[in-house]
Amino acid sequence: ATSSETIEKFITDVRKFLAADPSVTKASNNIIVHVSSIGQQGIGVLVVCWYSENADNTEPSILHRINLGILLAAQVHGVRMTASYDKAVLQSGNDA
């Protein structure tokens, strides 16, 4: 089982990664990373951020970068990702 301290470190690193990404809107309420569920298969972590895209930085490239950052944070902290992991939720800066 993963300790609560490890989960908190993982969540903190994901927040830091998102805050450092140049495409992610920096308003404090535009980066959401929280434990959203607890079950027999593990815990669910909700990741939501708002971003700004342009011709050189499209949603697929932003999503790719963010998902790799989440996976790296999981590896660093020994957090296993389940098969049910889908993707981070992105919101266009124009919609926020």
Protein backbone atom coordinates (compact mmCIF):
# COMPACT_ATOMS: atom_id res chain seq x y z
CA ALA A 1 0.00 0.00 0.00
CA THR A 2 1.16 3.52 -0.72
CA SER A 3 1.48 5.74 2.34
CA SER A 4 -0.46 8.98 2.67
CA GLU A 5 2.88 10.83 2.85
CA THR A 6 3.92 9.37 -0.51
CA ILE A 7 0.58 10.32 -2.09
CA GLU A 8 0.93 13.88 -0.76
CA LYS A 9 4.47 14.15 -2.20
CA PHE A 10 3.22 12.84 -5.55
CA ILE A 11 0.35 15.36 -5.60
CA THR A 12 2.70 18.20 -4.61
CA ASP A 13 5.10 17.30 -7.44
CA VAL A 14 2.27 17.16 -9.99
CA ARG A 15 1.11 20.62 -8.86
CA LYS A 16 4.67 21.97 -9.14
CA PHE A 17 5.08 20.45 -12.59
CA LEU A 18 1.84 22.02 -13.80
CA ALA A 19 2.73 25.40 -12.29
CA ALA A 20 6.07 25.32 -14.15
CA ASP A 21 4.57 24.42 -17.54
CA PRO A 22 4.51 27.52 -19.77
CA SER A 23 1.11 26.64 -21.26
CA VAL A 24 -0.73 26.24 -17.95
CA THR A 25 -2.61 29.28 -16.64
CA LYS A 26 -0.91 30.33 -13.42
CA ALA A 27 -3.93 31.47 -11.37
CA SER A 28 -3.92 29.42 -8.17
CA ASN A 29 -7.46 28.16 -8.70
CA ASN A 30 -6.67 26.93 -12.23
CA ILE A 31 -4.51 24.01 -11.09
CA ILE A 32 -6.46 21.30 -9.28
CA VAL A 33 -4.80 18.09 -8.06
CA HIS A 34 -6.70 16.23 -5.33
CA VAL A 35 -7.45 12.72 -4.13
CA SER A 36 -10.93 12.22 -5.59
CA SER A 37 -11.76 8.64 -4.62
CA ILE A 38 -10.60 5.72 -2.51
CA GLY A 39 -11.49 2.13 -3.39
CA GLN A 40 -10.29 -1.45 -3.45
CA GLN A 41 -8.29 -0.88 -6.63
CA GLY A 42 -6.53 2.18 -5.23
CA ILE A 43 -7.05 5.90 -5.03
CA GLY A 44 -8.22 8.25 -7.74
CA VAL A 45 -6.42 11.54 -8.26
CA LEU A 46 -8.23 14.34 -10.08
CA VAL A 47 -5.96 16.50 -12.23
CA VAL A 48 -7.48 19.60 -13.86
CA CYS A 49 -5.66 22.58 -15.32
CA TRP A 50 -6.39 25.44 -17.68
CA TYR A 51 -4.03 26.19 -20.55
CA SER A 52 -3.39 28.52 -23.44
CA GLU A 53 -2.71 26.97 -26.81
CA ASN A 54 -1.35 28.39 -30.04
CA ALA A 55 -0.24 27.06 -33.44
CA ASP A 56 3.05 25.76 -31.98
CA ASN A 57 1.54 24.41 -28.79
CA THR A 58 -1.66 22.47 -29.45
CA GLU A 59 -3.84 20.50 -27.04
CA PRO A 60 -2.34 17.11 -28.04
CA SER A 61 1.21 18.33 -27.38
CA ILE A 62 0.19 19.94 -24.07
CA LEU A 63 -1.65 16.78 -22.99
CA HIS A 64 1.35 14.63 -23.97
CA ARG A 65 3.72 16.78 -21.91
CA ILE A 66 1.40 16.86 -18.89
CA ASN A 67 0.73 13.13 -18.95
CA LEU A 68 4.47 12.39 -19.11
CA GLY A 69 5.01 14.74 -16.15
CA ILE A 70 2.36 12.89 -14.16
CA LEU A 71 3.95 9.54 -15.03
CA LEU A 72 7.41 10.82 -14.05
CA ALA A 73 6.11 12.02 -10.68
CA ALA A 74 4.48 8.60 -10.17
CA GLN A 75 7.77 6.84 -10.95
CA VAL A 76 9.78 9.11 -8.66
CA HIS A 77 7.47 8.34 -5.74
CA GLY A 78 6.76 4.69 -6.54
CA VAL A 79 3.08 5.34 -7.23
CA ARG A 80 1.60 2.76 -9.59
CA MET A 81 -0.79 3.95 -12.26
CA THR A 82 -3.75 1.65 -12.90
CA ALA A 83 -5.11 0.53 -16.22
CA SER A 84 -8.09 2.83 -15.66
CA TYR A 85 -5.92 5.96 -15.94
CA ASP A 86 -7.31 8.02 -18.79
CA LYS A 87 -5.80 11.48 -19.09
CA ALA A 88 -5.43 14.77 -17.35
CA VAL A 89 -8.40 17.08 -17.83
CA LEU A 90 -7.46 20.22 -19.71
CA GLN A 91 -9.54 23.35 -20.03
CA SER A 92 -8.77 25.91 -22.70
CA GLY A 93 -7.77 29.27 -21.27
CA ASN A 94 -10.44 30.78 -23.49
CA ASP A 95 -13.13 28.81 -21.61
CA ALA A 96 -11.94 29.65 -18.09
